[in-house]
Amino acid sequence: DVLMTGYIAIIFIAGGLAILHPFNANLGPDEKQDRTLVNAIMVSGIAMITTGIAALLTQGLAAGLLQLIIGFAIWFYFFRMYYRLVKRDASAVVGTGLLPPTVQ
């Protein structure tokens, strides 16, 4: 069921996303390890949601629905935590006004 339905492709894509995305999204001069780790857990919640959708088709309603609910709860909780951490680490946004007119 895993190979013929394409379920394994979702597992590979979700694994690559969970490994690479937190580092690409958070590395920089102000990188904080807590923000990177929370983002990794948030992405694993998204992976659990996508595999839960595939599990609905391959493993049945009970297993797929349970995985969807747990995945959504993980994603929602850690998305809120990640948003708070991003706001904590964000720079101030300063309005600079209108651009000066161009000289021709």
PDB file of N, CA and C in Angstrom:
ATOM      1  N   ASP A   1       0.808  -1.206   0.000  1.00  0.00           N
ATOM      2  CA  ASP A   1       0.000   0.000   0.000  1.00  0.00           C
ATOM      3  C   ASP A   1       0.851   1.270   0.000  1.00  0.00           C
ATOM      4  N   VAL A   2       2.024   1.204   0.606  1.00  0.00           N
ATOM      5  CA  VAL A   2       2.852   2.403   0.710  1.00  0.00           C
ATOM      6  C   VAL A   2       3.495   2.751  -0.624  1.00  0.00           C
ATOM      7  N   LEU A   3       3.970   1.768  -1.354  1.00  0.00           N
ATOM      8  CA  LEU A   3       4.661   2.040  -2.617  1.00  0.00           C
ATOM      9  C   LEU A   3       3.704   2.331  -3.765  1.00  0.00           C
ATOM     10  N   MET A   4       2.684   1.544  -3.917  1.00  0.00           N
ATOM     11  CA  MET A   4       1.825   1.645  -5.093  1.00  0.00           C
ATOM     12  C   MET A   4       0.891   2.857  -5.048  1.00  0.00           C
ATOM     13  N   THR A   5       0.602   3.369  -3.894  1.00  0.00           N
ATOM     14  CA  THR A   5      -0.306   4.514  -3.805  1.00  0.00           C
ATOM     15  C   THR A   5       0.413   5.860  -3.830  1.00  0.00           C
ATOM     16  N   GLY A   6       1.733   5.847  -3.752  1.00  0.00           N
ATOM     17  CA  GLY A   6       2.476   7.099  -3.727  1.00  0.00           C
ATOM     18  C   GLY A   6       2.648   7.663  -2.322  1.00  0.00           C
ATOM     19  N   TYR A   7       2.236   6.926  -1.329  1.00  0.00           N
ATOM     20  CA  TYR A   7       2.356   7.343   0.071  1.00  0.00           C
ATOM     21  C   TYR A   7       3.818   7.579   0.442  1.00  0.00           C
ATOM     22  N   ILE A   8       4.716   6.789  -0.136  1.00  0.00           N
ATOM     23  CA  ILE A   8       6.137   6.925   0.191  1.00  0.00           C
ATOM     24  C   ILE A   8       6.709   8.243  -0.331  1.00  0.00           C
ATOM     25  N   ALA A   9       6.162   8.756  -1.413  1.00  0.00           N
ATOM     26  CA  ALA A   9       6.628  10.046  -1.932  1.00  0.00           C
ATOM     27  C   ALA A   9       6.324  11.167  -0.940  1.00  0.00           C
ATOM     28  N   ILE A  10       5.160  11.109  -0.328  1.00  0.00           N
ATOM     29  CA  ILE A  10       4.808  12.110   0.683  1.00  0.00           C
ATOM     30  C   ILE A  10       5.755  12.014   1.870  1.00  0.00           C
ATOM     31  N   ILE A  11       6.128  10.796   2.246  1.00  0.00           N
ATOM     32  CA  ILE A  11       7.044  10.609   3.371  1.00  0.00           C
ATOM     33  C   ILE A  11       8.414  11.196   3.047  1.00  0.00           C
ATOM     34  N   PHE A  12       8.921  10.977   1.838  1.00  0.00           N
ATOM     35  CA  PHE A  12      10.223  11.534   1.454  1.00  0.00           C
ATOM     36  C   PHE A  12      10.189  13.058   1.385  1.00  0.00           C
ATOM     37  N   ILE A  13       9.146  13.614   0.802  1.00  0.00           N
ATOM     38  CA  ILE A  13       9.036  15.076   0.707  1.00  0.00           C
ATOM     39  C   ILE A  13       8.913  15.688   2.097  1.00  0.00           C
ATOM     40  N   ALA A  14       8.107  15.095   2.947  1.00  0.00           N
ATOM     41  CA  ALA A  14       7.941  15.620   4.309  1.00  0.00           C
ATOM     42  C   ALA A  14       9.234  15.497   5.107  1.00  0.00           C
ATOM     43  N   GLY A  15       9.987  14.429   4.902  1.00  0.00           N
ATOM     44  CA  GLY A  15      11.265  14.280   5.591  1.00  0.00           C
ATOM     45  C   GLY A  15      12.271  15.334   5.162  1.00  0.00           C
ATOM     46  N   GLY A  16      12.355  15.585   3.867  1.00  0.00           N
ATOM     47  CA  GLY A  16      13.250  16.632   3.378  1.00  0.00           C
ATOM     48  C   GLY A  16      12.833  18.009   3.848  1.00  0.00           C
ATOM     49  N   LEU A  17      11.535  18.253   3.866  1.00  0.00           N
ATOM     50  CA  LEU A  17      11.022  19.542   4.337  1.00  0.00           C
ATOM     51  C   LEU A  17      11.329  19.743   5.817  1.00  0.00           C
ATOM     52  N   ALA A  18      11.170  18.703   6.604  1.00  0.00           N
ATOM     53  CA  ALA A  18      11.419  18.823   8.045  1.00  0.00           C
ATOM     54  C   ALA A  18      12.896  19.025   8.355  1.00  0.00           C
ATOM     55  N   ILE A  19      13.780  18.519   7.501  1.00  0.00           N
ATOM     56  CA  ILE A  19      15.215  18.684   7.736  1.00  0.00           C
ATOM     57  C   ILE A  19      15.698  20.033   7.232  1.00  0.00           C
ATOM     58  N   LEU A  20      15.282  20.431   6.041  1.00  0.00           N
ATOM     59  CA  LEU A  20      15.871  21.602   5.391  1.00  0.00           C
ATOM     60  C   LEU A  20      15.169  22.921   5.707  1.00  0.00           C
ATOM     61  N   HIS A  21      13.857  22.924   5.820  1.00  0.00           N
ATOM     62  CA  HIS A  21      13.135  24.185   5.965  1.00  0.00           C
ATOM     63  C   HIS A  21      13.482  24.971   7.233  1.00  0.00           C
ATOM     64  N   PRO A  22      13.580  24.351   8.407  1.00  0.00           N
ATOM     65  CA  PRO A  22      13.899  25.157   9.599  1.00  0.00           C
ATOM     66  C   PRO A  22      15.218  25.908   9.484  1.00  0.00           C
ATOM     67  N   PHE A  23      16.212  25.298   8.862  1.00  0.00           N
ATOM     68  CA  PHE A  23      17.496  25.973   8.723  1.00  0.00           C
ATOM     69  C   PHE A  23      17.427  27.078   7.682  1.00  0.00           C
ATOM     70  N   ASN A  24      16.745  26.832   6.581  1.00  0.00           N
ATOM     71  CA  ASN A  24      16.623  27.872   5.553  1.00  0.00           C
ATOM     72  C   ASN A  24      15.796  29.052   6.044  1.00  0.00           C
ATOM     73  N   ALA A  25      14.801  28.795   6.859  1.00  0.00           N
ATOM     74  CA  ALA A  25      13.921  29.866   7.315  1.00  0.00           C
ATOM     75  C   ALA A  25      14.516  30.673   8.463  1.00  0.00           C
ATOM     76  N   ASN A  26      15.440  30.106   9.224  1.00  0.00           N
ATOM     77  CA  ASN A  26      15.869  30.758  10.451  1.00  0.00           C
ATOM     78  C   ASN A  26      17.348  31.105  10.530  1.00  0.00           C
ATOM     79  N   LEU A  27      18.167  30.600   9.632  1.00  0.00           N
ATOM     80  CA  LEU A  27      19.584  30.919   9.733  1.00  0.00           C
ATOM     81  C   LEU A  27      19.829  32.349   9.298  1.00  0.00           C
ATOM     82  N   GLY A  28      20.745  32.977   9.930  1.00  0.00           N
ATOM     83  CA  GLY A  28      21.084  34.354   9.635  1.00  0.00           C
ATOM     84  C   GLY A  28      21.837  34.933  10.803  1.00  0.00           C
ATOM     85  N   PRO A  29      22.070  36.229  10.794  1.00  0.00           N
ATOM     86  CA  PRO A  29      22.852  36.825  11.866  1.00  0.00           C
ATOM     87  C   PRO A  29      22.159  36.790  13.227  1.00  0.00           C
ATOM     88  N   ASP A  30      20.853  36.685  13.237  1.00  0.00           N
ATOM     89  CA  ASP A  30      20.147  36.678  14.519  1.00  0.00           C
ATOM     90  C   ASP A  30      19.510  35.327  14.819  1.00  0.00           C
ATOM     91  N   GLU A  31      20.102  34.250  14.324  1.00  0.00           N
ATOM     92  CA  GLU A  31      19.515  32.915  14.486  1.00  0.00           C
ATOM     93  C   GLU A  31      19.467  32.527  15.959  1.00  0.00           C
ATOM     94  N   LYS A  32      18.309  32.069  16.343  1.00  0.00           N
ATOM     95  CA  LYS A  32      18.107  31.570  17.699  1.00  0.00           C
ATOM     96  C   LYS A  32      17.721  30.094  17.586  1.00  0.00           C
ATOM     97  N   GLN A  33      18.363  29.263  18.399  1.00  0.00           N
ATOM     98  CA  GLN A  33      18.119  27.837  18.284  1.00  0.00           C
ATOM     99  C   GLN A  33      16.690  27.479  18.674  1.00  0.00           C
ATOM    100  N   ASP A  34      16.102  28.202  19.615  1.00  0.00           N
ATOM    101  CA  ASP A  34      14.740  27.871  20.015  1.00  0.00           C
ATOM    102  C   ASP A  34      13.759  28.086  18.864  1.00  0.00           C
ATOM    103  N   ARG A  35      13.958  29.136  18.080  1.00  0.00           N
ATOM    104  CA  ARG A  35      13.074  29.405  16.950  1.00  0.00           C
ATOM    105  C   ARG A  35      13.234  28.326  15.868  1.00  0.00           C
ATOM    106  N   THR A  36      14.460  27.882  15.631  1.00  0.00           N
ATOM    107  CA  THR A  36      14.707  26.838  14.636  1.00  0.00           C
ATOM    108  C   THR A  36      14.070  25.521  15.060  1.00  0.00           C
ATOM    109  N   LEU A  37      14.203  25.160  16.318  1.00  0.00           N
ATOM    110  CA  LEU A  37      13.643  23.895  16.796  1.00  0.00           C
ATOM    111  C   LEU A  37      12.113  23.912  16.791  1.00  0.00           C
ATOM    112  N   VAL A  38      11.528  25.035  17.171  1.00  0.00           N
ATOM    113  CA  VAL A  38      10.070  25.142  17.151  1.00  0.00           C
ATOM    114  C   VAL A  38       9.560  25.056  15.714  1.00  0.00           C
ATOM    115  N   ASN A  39      10.289  25.652  14.768  1.00  0.00           N
ATOM    116  CA  ASN A  39       9.896  25.563  13.365  1.00  0.00           C
ATOM    117  C   ASN A  39       9.985  24.120  12.873  1.00  0.00           C
ATOM    118  N   ALA A  40      10.974  23.373  13.311  1.00  0.00           N
ATOM    119  CA  ALA A  40      11.087  21.970  12.911  1.00  0.00           C
ATOM    120  C   ALA A  40       9.910  21.149  13.426  1.00  0.00           C
ATOM    121  N   ILE A  41       9.477  21.409  14.646  1.00  0.00           N
ATOM    122  CA  ILE A  41       8.321  20.682  15.181  1.00  0.00           C
ATOM    123  C   ILE A  41       7.053  21.088  14.451  1.00  0.00           C
ATOM    124  N   MET A  42       6.947  22.378  14.105  1.00  0.00           N
ATOM    125  CA  MET A  42       5.779  22.853  13.361  1.00  0.00           C
ATOM    126  C   MET A  42       5.700  22.177  11.988  1.00  0.00           C
ATOM    127  N   VAL A  43       6.830  22.051  11.319  1.00  0.00           N
ATOM    128  CA  VAL A  43       6.857  21.396  10.009  1.00  0.00           C
ATOM    129  C   VAL A  43       6.543  19.909  10.150  1.00  0.00           C
ATOM    130  N   SER A  44       6.951  19.290  11.253  1.00  0.00           N
ATOM    131  CA  SER A  44       6.598  17.884  11.443  1.00  0.00           C
ATOM    132  C   SER A  44       5.091  17.719  11.645  1.00  0.00           C
ATOM    133  N   GLY A  45       4.435  18.729  12.215  1.00  0.00           N
ATOM    134  CA  GLY A  45       2.976  18.697  12.308  1.00  0.00           C
ATOM    135  C   GLY A  45       2.332  18.758  10.936  1.00  0.00           C
ATOM    136  N   ILE A  46       2.903  19.584  10.038  1.00  0.00           N
ATOM    137  CA  ILE A  46       2.402  19.642   8.663  1.00  0.00           C
ATOM    138  C   ILE A  46       2.613  18.294   7.965  1.00  0.00           C
ATOM    139  N   ALA A  47       3.763  17.671   8.208  1.00  0.00           N
ATOM    140  CA  ALA A  47       4.029  16.350   7.627  1.00  0.00           C
ATOM    141  C   ALA A  47       3.034  15.319   8.143  1.00  0.00           C
ATOM    142  N   MET A  48       2.680  15.432   9.404  1.00  0.00           N
ATOM    143  CA  MET A  48       1.708  14.504   9.970  1.00  0.00           C
ATOM    144  C   MET A  48       0.324  14.716   9.364  1.00  0.00           C
ATOM    145  N   ILE A  49      -0.020  15.950   9.063  1.00  0.00           N
ATOM    146  CA  ILE A  49      -1.306  16.229   8.421  1.00  0.00           C
ATOM    147  C   ILE A  49      -1.338  15.626   7.023  1.00  0.00           C
ATOM    148  N   THR A  50      -0.272  15.815   6.243  1.00  0.00           N
ATOM    149  CA  THR A  50      -0.273  15.286   4.875  1.00  0.00           C
ATOM    150  C   THR A  50      -0.270  13.764   4.859  1.00  0.00           C
ATOM    151  N   THR A  51       0.488  13.146   5.766  1.00  0.00           N
ATOM    152  CA  THR A  51       0.446  11.683   5.806  1.00  0.00           C
ATOM    153  C   THR A  51      -0.879  11.185   6.380  1.00  0.00           C
ATOM    154  N   GLY A  52      -1.538  11.998   7.179  1.00  0.00           N
ATOM    155  CA  GLY A  52      -2.867  11.627   7.670  1.00  0.00           C
ATOM    156  C   GLY A  52      -3.891  11.606   6.543  1.00  0.00           C
ATOM    157  N   ILE A  53      -3.759  12.551   5.616  1.00  0.00           N
ATOM    158  CA  ILE A  53      -4.650  12.554   4.447  1.00  0.00           C
ATOM    159  C   ILE A  53      -4.417  11.298   3.616  1.00  0.00           C
ATOM    160  N   ALA A  54      -3.146  10.937   3.427  1.00  0.00           N
ATOM    161  CA  ALA A  54      -2.847   9.711   2.681  1.00  0.00           C
ATOM    162  C   ALA A  54      -3.287   8.478   3.460  1.00  0.00           C
ATOM    163  N   ALA A  55      -3.199   8.529   4.783  1.00  0.00           N
ATOM    164  CA  ALA A  55      -3.629   7.383   5.592  1.00  0.00           C
ATOM    165  C   ALA A  55      -5.132   7.178   5.523  1.00  0.00           C
ATOM    166  N   LEU A  56      -5.876   8.254   5.299  1.00  0.00           N
ATOM    167  CA  LEU A  56      -7.331   8.093   5.116  1.00  0.00           C
ATOM    168  C   LEU A  56      -7.628   7.184   3.934  1.00  0.00           C
ATOM    169  N   LEU A  57      -6.810   7.298   2.901  1.00  0.00           N
ATOM    170  CA  LEU A  57      -7.045   6.505   1.696  1.00  0.00           C
ATOM    171  C   LEU A  57      -6.458   5.104   1.777  1.00  0.00           C
ATOM    172  N   THR A  58      -5.394   4.920   2.566  1.00  0.00           N
ATOM    173  CA  THR A  58      -4.727   3.618   2.568  1.00  0.00           C
ATOM    174  C   THR A  58      -4.979   2.797   3.815  1.00  0.00           C
ATOM    175  N   GLN A  59      -5.126   3.435   4.978  1.00  0.00           N
ATOM    176  CA  GLN A  59      -5.213   2.689   6.226  1.00  0.00           C
ATOM    177  C   GLN A  59      -6.592   2.732   6.869  1.00  0.00           C
ATOM    178  N   GLY A  60      -7.458   3.557   6.359  1.00  0.00           N
ATOM    179  CA  GLY A  60      -8.807   3.594   6.908  1.00  0.00           C
ATOM    180  C   GLY A  60      -9.121   4.891   7.622  1.00  0.00           C
ATOM    181  N   LEU A  61     -10.385   5.056   7.959  1.00  0.00           N
ATOM    182  CA  LEU A  61     -10.874   6.303   8.538  1.00  0.00           C
ATOM    183  C   LEU A  61     -10.346   6.542   9.949  1.00  0.00           C
ATOM    184  N   ALA A  62     -10.307   5.524  10.787  1.00  0.00           N
ATOM    185  CA  ALA A  62      -9.903   5.719  12.183  1.00  0.00           C
ATOM    186  C   ALA A  62      -8.441   6.155  12.286  1.00  0.00           C
ATOM    187  N   ALA A  63      -7.561   5.460  11.601  1.00  0.00           N
ATOM    188  CA  ALA A  63      -6.133   5.794  11.676  1.00  0.00           C
ATOM    189  C   ALA A  63      -5.852   7.143  11.040  1.00  0.00           C
ATOM    190  N   GLY A  64      -6.455   7.401   9.895  1.00  0.00           N
ATOM    191  CA  GLY A  64      -6.218   8.665   9.206  1.00  0.00           C
ATOM    192  C   GLY A  64      -6.762   9.859   9.955  1.00  0.00           C
ATOM    193  N   LEU A  65      -7.953   9.729  10.510  1.00  0.00           N
ATOM    194  CA  LEU A  65      -8.561  10.841  11.242  1.00  0.00           C
ATOM    195  C   LEU A  65      -7.809  11.149  12.530  1.00  0.00           C
ATOM    196  N   LEU A  66      -7.364  10.109  13.221  1.00  0.00           N
ATOM    197  CA  LEU A  66      -6.569  10.317  14.431  1.00  0.00           C
ATOM    198  C   LEU A  66      -5.264  11.042  14.109  1.00  0.00           C
ATOM    199  N   GLN A  67      -4.629  10.643  13.033  1.00  0.00           N
ATOM    200  CA  GLN A  67      -3.379  11.281  12.629  1.00  0.00           C
ATOM    201  C   GLN A  67      -3.610  12.725  12.201  1.00  0.00           C
ATOM    202  N   LEU A  68      -4.701  12.988  11.516  1.00  0.00           N
ATOM    203  CA  LEU A  68      -5.033  14.363  11.134  1.00  0.00           C
ATOM    204  C   LEU A  68      -5.265  15.253  12.352  1.00  0.00           C
ATOM    205  N   ILE A  69      -5.995  14.769  13.310  1.00  0.00           N
ATOM    206  CA  ILE A  69      -6.303  15.572  14.501  1.00  0.00           C
ATOM    207  C   ILE A  69      -5.040  15.859  15.307  1.00  0.00           C
ATOM    208  N   ILE A  70      -4.214  14.844  15.525  1.00  0.00           N
ATOM    209  CA  ILE A  70      -2.979  15.042  16.279  1.00  0.00           C
ATOM    210  C   ILE A  70      -2.032  15.966  15.509  1.00  0.00           C
ATOM    211  N   GLY A  71      -1.915  15.766  14.198  1.00  0.00           N
ATOM    212  CA  GLY A  71      -1.049  16.624  13.391  1.00  0.00           C
ATOM    213  C   GLY A  71      -1.489  18.071  13.392  1.00  0.00           C
ATOM    214  N   PHE A  72      -2.795  18.306  13.301  1.00  0.00           N
ATOM    215  CA  PHE A  72      -3.287  19.680  13.329  1.00  0.00           C
ATOM    216  C   PHE A  72      -3.054  20.326  14.695  1.00  0.00           C
ATOM    217  N   ALA A  73      -3.238  19.556  15.769  1.00  0.00           N
ATOM    218  CA  ALA A  73      -3.000  20.098  17.114  1.00  0.00           C
ATOM    219  C   ALA A  73      -1.532  20.468  17.301  1.00  0.00           C
ATOM    220  N   ILE A  74      -0.623  19.608  16.837  1.00  0.00           N
ATOM    221  CA  ILE A  74       0.814  19.910  16.926  1.00  0.00           C
ATOM    222  C   ILE A  74       1.136  21.141  16.108  1.00  0.00           C
ATOM    223  N   TRP A  75       0.647  21.186  14.872  1.00  0.00           N
ATOM    224  CA  TRP A  75       0.949  22.331  14.016  1.00  0.00           C
ATOM    225  C   TRP A  75       0.417  23.625  14.613  1.00  0.00           C
ATOM    226  N   PHE A  76      -0.817  23.642  15.075  1.00  0.00           N
ATOM    227  CA  PHE A  76      -1.430  24.860  15.591  1.00  0.00           C
ATOM    228  C   PHE A  76      -0.700  25.372  16.830  1.00  0.00           C
ATOM    229  N   TYR A  77      -0.395  24.487  17.758  1.00  0.00           N
ATOM    230  CA  TYR A  77       0.271  24.894  18.996  1.00  0.00           C
ATOM    231  C   TYR A  77       1.653  25.480  18.695  1.00  0.00           C
ATOM    232  N   PHE A  78       2.428  24.778  17.870  1.00  0.00           N
ATOM    233  CA  PHE A  78       3.784  25.243  17.608  1.00  0.00           C
ATOM    234  C   PHE A  78       3.816  26.388  16.606  1.00  0.00           C
ATOM    235  N   PHE A  79       2.800  26.566  15.774  1.00  0.00           N
ATOM    236  CA  PHE A  79       2.735  27.742  14.913  1.00  0.00           C
ATOM    237  C   PHE A  79       2.546  28.998  15.754  1.00  0.00           C
ATOM    238  N   ARG A  80       1.681  28.919  16.748  1.00  0.00           N
ATOM    239  CA  ARG A  80       1.497  30.073  17.639  1.00  0.00           C
ATOM    240  C   ARG A  80       2.775  30.385  18.403  1.00  0.00           C
ATOM    241  N   MET A  81       3.466  29.335  18.862  1.00  0.00           N
ATOM    242  CA  MET A  81       4.727  29.551  19.565  1.00  0.00           C
ATOM    243  C   MET A  81       5.780  30.140  18.619  1.00  0.00           C
ATOM    244  N   TYR A  82       5.848  29.645  17.395  1.00  0.00           N
ATOM    245  CA  TYR A  82       6.816  30.158  16.419  1.00  0.00           C
ATOM    246  C   TYR A  82       6.514  31.622  16.082  1.00  0.00           C
ATOM    247  N   TYR A  83       5.251  31.964  15.964  1.00  0.00           N
ATOM    248  CA  TYR A  83       4.878  33.350  15.670  1.00  0.00           C
ATOM    249  C   TYR A  83       5.320  34.282  16.801  1.00  0.00           C
ATOM    250  N   ARG A  84       5.150  33.836  18.038  1.00  0.00           N
ATOM    251  CA  ARG A  84       5.624  34.647  19.172  1.00  0.00           C
ATOM    252  C   ARG A  84       7.134  34.814  19.140  1.00  0.00           C
ATOM    253  N   LEU A  85       7.864  33.753  18.796  1.00  0.00           N
ATOM    254  CA  LEU A  85       9.324  33.841  18.740  1.00  0.00           C
ATOM    255  C   LEU A  85       9.785  34.743  17.601  1.00  0.00           C
ATOM    256  N   VAL A  86       9.089  34.705  16.476  1.00  0.00           N
ATOM    257  CA  VAL A  86       9.446  35.577  15.354  1.00  0.00           C
ATOM    258  C   VAL A  86       9.202  37.031  15.732  1.00  0.00           C
ATOM    259  N   LYS A  87       8.081  37.299  16.387  1.00  0.00           N
ATOM    260  CA  LYS A  87       7.817  38.669  16.828  1.00  0.00           C
ATOM    261  C   LYS A  87       8.847  39.126  17.847  1.00  0.00           C
ATOM    262  N   ARG A  88       9.315  38.224  18.680  1.00  0.00           N
ATOM    263  CA  ARG A  88      10.344  38.563  19.657  1.00  0.00           C
ATOM    264  C   ARG A  88      11.658  38.957  18.968  1.00  0.00           C
ATOM    265  N   ASP A  89      12.005  38.249  17.909  1.00  0.00           N
ATOM    266  CA  ASP A  89      13.294  38.459  17.255  1.00  0.00           C
ATOM    267  C   ASP A  89      13.242  39.427  16.088  1.00  0.00           C
ATOM    268  N   ALA A  90      12.074  39.919  15.734  1.00  0.00           N
ATOM    269  CA  ALA A  90      11.953  40.774  14.547  1.00  0.00           C
ATOM    270  C   ALA A  90      12.531  42.155  14.811  1.00  0.00           C
ATOM    271  N   SER A  91      13.027  42.745  13.766  1.00  0.00           N
ATOM    272  CA  SER A  91      13.512  44.125  13.846  1.00  0.00           C
ATOM    273  C   SER A  91      12.332  45.068  13.759  1.00  0.00           C
ATOM    274  N   ALA A  92      12.532  46.291  14.135  1.00  0.00           N
ATOM    275  CA  ALA A  92      11.477  47.286  14.031  1.00  0.00           C
ATOM    276  C   ALA A  92      11.290  47.679  12.578  1.00  0.00           C
ATOM    277  N   VAL A  93      10.067  47.871  12.183  1.00  0.00           N
ATOM    278  CA  VAL A  93       9.761  48.319  10.834  1.00  0.00           C
ATOM    279  C   VAL A  93       9.536  49.822  10.908  1.00  0.00           C
ATOM    280  N   VAL A  94      10.333  50.550  10.177  1.00  0.00           N
ATOM    281  CA  VAL A  94      10.289  52.003  10.240  1.00  0.00           C
ATOM    282  C   VAL A  94       9.826  52.538   8.893  1.00  0.00           C
ATOM    283  N   GLY A  95       8.824  53.379   8.895  1.00  0.00           N
ATOM    284  CA  GLY A  95       8.362  53.995   7.653  1.00  0.00           C
ATOM    285  C   GLY A  95       9.349  55.066   7.204  1.00  0.00           C
ATOM    286  N   THR A  96       9.699  55.045   5.933  1.00  0.00           N
ATOM    287  CA  THR A  96      10.671  56.023   5.422  1.00  0.00           C
ATOM    288  C   THR A  96      10.006  57.107   4.597  1.00  0.00           C
ATOM    289  N   GLY A  97       8.716  57.049   4.446  1.00  0.00           N
ATOM    290  CA  GLY A  97       8.035  58.064   3.652  1.00  0.00           C
ATOM    291  C   GLY A  97       8.057  57.711   2.178  1.00  0.00           C
ATOM    292  N   LEU A  98       7.730  58.702   1.357  1.00  0.00           N
ATOM    293  CA  LEU A  98       7.704  58.488  -0.087  1.00  0.00           C
ATOM    294  C   LEU A  98       9.116  58.494  -0.650  1.00  0.00           C
ATOM    295  N   LEU A  99       9.296  57.824  -1.754  1.00  0.00           N
ATOM    296  CA  LEU A  99      10.589  57.842  -2.422  1.00  0.00           C
ATOM    297  C   LEU A  99      10.816  59.227  -3.027  1.00  0.00           C
ATOM    298  N   PRO A 100      12.066  59.651  -3.057  1.00  0.00           N
ATOM    299  CA  PRO A 100      12.340  60.961  -3.651  1.00  0.00           C
ATOM    300  C   PRO A 100      12.080  60.927  -5.159  1.00  0.00           C
ATOM    301  N   PRO A 101      11.733  62.071  -5.729  1.00  0.00           N
ATOM    302  CA  PRO A 101      11.481  62.078  -7.178  1.00  0.00           C
ATOM    303  C   PRO A 101      12.773  61.800  -7.949  1.00  0.00           C
ATOM    304  N   THR A 102      12.623  61.162  -9.073  1.00  0.00           N
ATOM    305  CA  THR A 102      13.806  60.849  -9.878  1.00  0.00           C
ATOM    306  C   THR A 102      14.173  62.035 -10.759  1.00  0.00           C
ATOM    307  N   VAL A 103      15.441  62.214 -10.980  1.00  0.00           N
ATOM    308  CA  VAL A 103      15.925  63.300 -11.833  1.00  0.00           C
ATOM    309  C   VAL A 103      16.150  62.741 -13.218  1.00  0.00           C
ATOM    310  N   GLN A 104      15.586  63.429 -14.216  1.00  0.00           N
ATOM    311  CA  GLN A 104      15.756  62.943 -15.587  1.00  0.00           C
ATOM    312  C   GLN A 104      16.556  63.878 -16.421  1.00  0.00           C
TER     313      GLN A 104
END
